[in-house]
Protein backbone atom coordinates (compact mmCIF):
# COMPACT_ATOMS: atom_id res chain seq x y z
CA MET A 1 56.83 118.59 -71.70
CA LYS A 2 58.57 122.16 -71.15
CA GLY A 3 55.50 124.00 -70.57
CA SER A 4 53.98 121.52 -68.32
CA PRO A 5 55.90 123.03 -64.92
CA LEU A 6 55.21 126.34 -65.91
CA LYS A 7 51.52 125.34 -66.57
CA THR A 8 51.34 123.43 -63.06
CA LEU A 9 52.96 126.60 -61.55
CA ARG A 10 50.27 129.03 -62.90
CA ILE A 11 47.74 126.72 -61.58
CA LEU A 12 49.04 126.44 -58.30
CA LEU A 13 49.50 130.22 -58.04
CA VAL A 14 45.82 130.77 -59.10
CA LEU A 15 44.73 128.54 -56.43
CA THR A 16 46.84 130.12 -53.67
CA ALA A 17 45.03 133.45 -54.66
CA PHE A 18 41.87 131.83 -54.37
CA LEU A 19 42.94 130.52 -51.09
CA MET A 20 43.98 133.58 -49.79
CA ALA A 21 40.91 135.64 -50.73
CA GLY A 22 38.98 133.13 -49.23
CA MET A 23 40.73 133.14 -46.06
CA THR A 24 40.59 136.77 -45.76
CA ALA A 25 36.47 136.94 -46.47
CA ALA A 26 36.19 134.41 -43.72
CA PHE A 27 38.17 136.22 -41.19
CA LEU A 28 36.13 139.58 -41.94
CA LEU A 29 32.65 137.78 -41.95
CA ARG A 30 33.52 135.37 -39.52
CA PRO A 31 30.43 135.22 -36.48
CA GLY A 32 32.91 135.84 -33.33
CA SER A 33 34.57 139.11 -34.57
CA ALA A 34 34.83 141.79 -32.35
CA ASP A 35 34.55 145.50 -32.20
CA ALA A 36 32.89 145.65 -35.60
CA PRO A 37 29.56 147.26 -35.81
CA SER A 38 29.18 146.35 -39.38
CA LEU A 39 29.59 143.50 -41.33
CA GLY A 40 30.65 144.26 -44.86
CA ALA A 41 28.31 146.50 -46.44
CA VAL A 42 25.44 145.94 -44.01
CA ARG A 43 25.42 148.37 -40.67
CA LEU A 44 24.84 146.56 -37.61
CA GLY A 45 22.19 147.51 -34.65
CA GLY A 46 18.85 149.64 -35.00
CA ASP A 47 15.56 149.82 -32.78
CA PHE A 48 13.60 147.00 -31.90
CA GLN A 49 10.61 146.14 -29.79
CA LEU A 50 10.22 142.95 -27.66
CA GLN A 51 8.31 141.88 -24.62
CA SER A 52 9.19 142.27 -21.03
CA SER A 53 7.06 141.06 -17.85
CA SER A 54 5.90 144.87 -17.91
CA GLY A 55 4.71 145.17 -21.41
CA PRO A 56 6.40 145.71 -25.02
CA VAL A 57 9.65 147.43 -24.62
CA SER A 58 11.67 149.19 -27.35
CA LEU A 59 15.40 150.10 -27.62
CA ALA A 60 14.25 153.58 -28.11
CA ASP A 61 12.99 153.33 -24.58
CA PHE A 62 16.53 153.52 -23.52
CA ARG A 63 17.43 156.80 -25.36
CA GLY A 64 20.06 159.00 -23.09
CA HIS A 65 21.52 155.70 -21.47
CA PRO A 66 24.53 153.71 -22.74
CA VAL A 67 23.08 150.14 -22.75
CA VAL A 68 24.81 146.61 -22.74
CA MET A 69 22.98 143.97 -24.58
CA TYR A 70 23.66 140.39 -24.60
CA ILE A 71 21.59 137.77 -26.58
CA GLY A 72 21.19 134.23 -25.00
CA TYR A 73 18.81 132.15 -23.13
CA ALA A 74 18.10 131.75 -19.41
CA SER A 75 18.82 127.82 -19.54
CA CYS A 76 22.21 128.37 -21.01
CA PRO A 77 24.51 126.50 -18.48
CA ASP A 78 27.84 128.48 -19.22
CA VAL A 79 28.31 131.43 -21.08
CA CYS A 80 25.31 133.43 -20.67
CA PRO A 81 25.44 133.62 -16.92
CA THR A 82 29.27 134.21 -17.14
CA SER A 83 28.55 137.23 -19.47
CA LEU A 84 25.84 138.61 -17.58
CA ALA A 85 28.14 138.32 -14.58
CA VAL A 86 30.82 140.26 -16.47
CA MET A 87 28.26 143.05 -17.27
CA THR A 88 27.00 143.23 -13.71
CA GLN A 89 30.70 143.57 -12.12
CA GLY A 90 31.32 145.97 -15.28
CA PHE A 91 28.30 148.13 -13.88
CA ARG A 92 29.15 147.77 -10.39
CA ARG A 93 32.78 149.25 -10.93
CA LEU A 94 31.06 152.50 -11.82
CA SER A 95 30.20 155.03 -9.04
CA ASP A 96 26.88 155.20 -7.78
CA ASP A 97 25.64 158.31 -9.82
CA GLU A 98 27.26 156.57 -13.15
CA GLN A 99 25.55 153.08 -12.39
CA ALA A 100 22.24 154.58 -12.26
CA ARG A 101 22.48 156.22 -15.70
CA VAL A 102 23.49 152.64 -17.35
CA ARG A 103 21.05 150.10 -18.51
CA GLY A 104 21.25 146.17 -19.48
CA ILE A 105 19.30 143.90 -21.84
CA PHE A 106 19.09 140.33 -22.02
CA ILE A 107 17.45 139.06 -25.03
CA SER A 108 16.35 135.57 -24.93
CA VAL A 109 16.28 133.33 -28.20
CA ASP A 110 14.14 130.68 -26.18
CA PRO A 111 10.76 132.18 -25.87
CA GLU A 112 9.12 128.44 -25.48
CA ARG A 113 10.65 128.17 -22.09
CA ASP A 114 11.72 131.75 -21.14
CA SER A 115 8.51 133.82 -20.49
CA PRO A 116 8.67 137.54 -19.74
CA GLU A 117 8.12 136.78 -16.28
CA LYS A 118 10.74 134.01 -16.00
CA LEU A 119 13.46 136.51 -17.51
CA ALA A 120 12.40 139.32 -15.14
CA GLU A 121 13.34 136.98 -12.16
CA TYR A 122 16.43 135.99 -13.60
CA SER A 123 17.70 139.53 -14.89
CA ALA A 124 16.87 140.90 -11.46
CA PHE A 125 19.21 138.17 -10.00
CA PHE A 126 21.97 139.91 -11.80
CA HIS A 127 21.28 143.45 -11.61
CA PRO A 128 18.38 145.88 -11.10
CA ASN A 129 19.35 147.64 -14.14
CA LEU A 130 18.82 144.67 -16.27
CA VAL A 131 15.74 143.86 -18.05
CA GLY A 132 14.81 140.56 -19.76
CA LEU A 133 13.16 140.72 -23.15
CA THR A 134 11.74 137.97 -25.33
CA GLY A 135 9.16 137.79 -28.04
CA THR A 136 7.64 135.85 -31.04
CA ARG A 137 10.44 133.79 -33.01
CA GLU A 138 9.94 136.33 -36.10
CA GLN A 139 10.70 139.25 -33.64
CA ILE A 140 13.73 137.48 -32.10
CA ASP A 141 15.04 136.52 -35.56
CA GLN A 142 15.17 139.95 -36.64
CA VAL A 143 17.22 141.31 -33.82
CA VAL A 144 19.43 138.42 -34.13
CA ARG A 145 19.72 139.43 -37.94
CA GLN A 146 19.99 143.15 -37.25
CA TYR A 147 22.86 142.55 -34.54
CA GLY A 148 24.71 139.67 -36.56
CA ALA A 149 24.21 137.37 -34.06
CA TYR A 150 23.64 133.76 -34.26
CA TYR A 151 21.56 130.71 -32.65
CA ARG A 152 20.62 127.26 -33.33
CA ILE A 153 18.15 124.65 -31.73
CA ALA A 154 20.14 121.55 -31.13
CA GLU A 155 18.19 118.66 -30.02
CA LEU A 156 19.32 116.17 -27.05
CA ASP A 157 18.95 112.78 -26.95
CA ASN A 158 17.80 111.51 -23.24
CA SER A 159 18.25 114.86 -21.90
CA ALA A 160 15.37 116.15 -19.22
CA LEU A 161 16.12 119.69 -21.16
CA GLY A 162 15.11 118.25 -24.42
CA TYR A 163 16.95 120.76 -26.33
CA ALA A 164 19.89 123.25 -26.02
CA VAL A 165 20.60 126.41 -27.89
CA ASP A 166 23.87 126.93 -29.59
CA HIS A 167 24.48 130.54 -29.90
CA SER A 168 26.94 133.41 -30.33
CA SER A 169 28.35 135.13 -27.13
CA ARG A 170 28.73 138.78 -27.46
CA LEU A 171 28.24 141.82 -25.53
CA TYR A 172 26.74 144.90 -27.44
CA LEU A 173 27.41 148.28 -26.28
CA ILE A 174 25.10 150.83 -27.43
CA ALA A 175 25.35 154.83 -27.34
CA PRO A 176 22.97 156.89 -25.57
CA ASP A 177 21.65 157.90 -28.99
CA GLY A 178 20.43 154.12 -29.62
CA SER A 179 23.41 153.23 -32.35
CA LEU A 180 25.60 150.21 -31.68
CA ALA A 181 29.01 151.62 -30.72
CA GLU A 182 30.87 148.26 -30.16
CA VAL A 183 30.42 144.48 -30.31
CA LEU A 184 32.36 143.14 -27.49
CA SER A 185 33.85 139.48 -26.92
CA HIS A 186 32.25 138.02 -24.08
CA ASN A 187 35.65 137.49 -22.29
CA ILE A 188 36.04 141.28 -21.88
CA THR A 189 37.08 141.94 -18.18
CA PRO A 190 34.48 143.97 -15.92
CA ASP A 191 37.16 146.97 -15.82
CA GLU A 192 37.40 147.14 -19.47
CA LEU A 193 33.57 147.01 -19.85
CA SER A 194 33.29 149.78 -17.01
CA ALA A 195 36.03 151.79 -18.90
CA LYS A 196 34.12 151.75 -22.16
CA LEU A 197 30.78 152.59 -20.43
CA ARG A 198 32.49 155.75 -18.70
CA LEU A 199 33.30 157.00 -22.22
CA LEU A 200 29.60 157.12 -23.15
CA LEU A 201 28.59 158.57 -20.05
């Protein structure tokens, strides 16, 4: 019986160590982590090609310009329009010359409802430098993986929409050389965003 409390203590210490390791891993790999251009050993970012209303568009087409990218969908009722509004206000806090040099990309993960033409109209509502892109499900999934994003189709019972899309909500700040400079939380302020853009101009 003397060894029983000691054995129990050892077990508790081992379990605590595993719990702490798990919590650390969950913190480092959590989907909403900001300011993390890498996820473990995987480097985030990279070139891609999707479809606009004017034809194919690659990230490489924006070389020389700082880019703010957002992944969502046009029917999103809340975080997408809010985040795009932050992007727009961040752009408008720049001087006219600075504003002319920045670009925005809105990627839709809902190609069934978001045609390139619809995205062009939707994006133009926010800012003339914002382009709306989509593609095949395979192309979209590739970009989502590249940037450590997330989305999931959620069926809606008794709704005219049919389904919604749960998705991560981040702004991706891309440097003029095409590399991912920073992953920003969607609750960044326009002033903070414009300051970060100026550093890349």
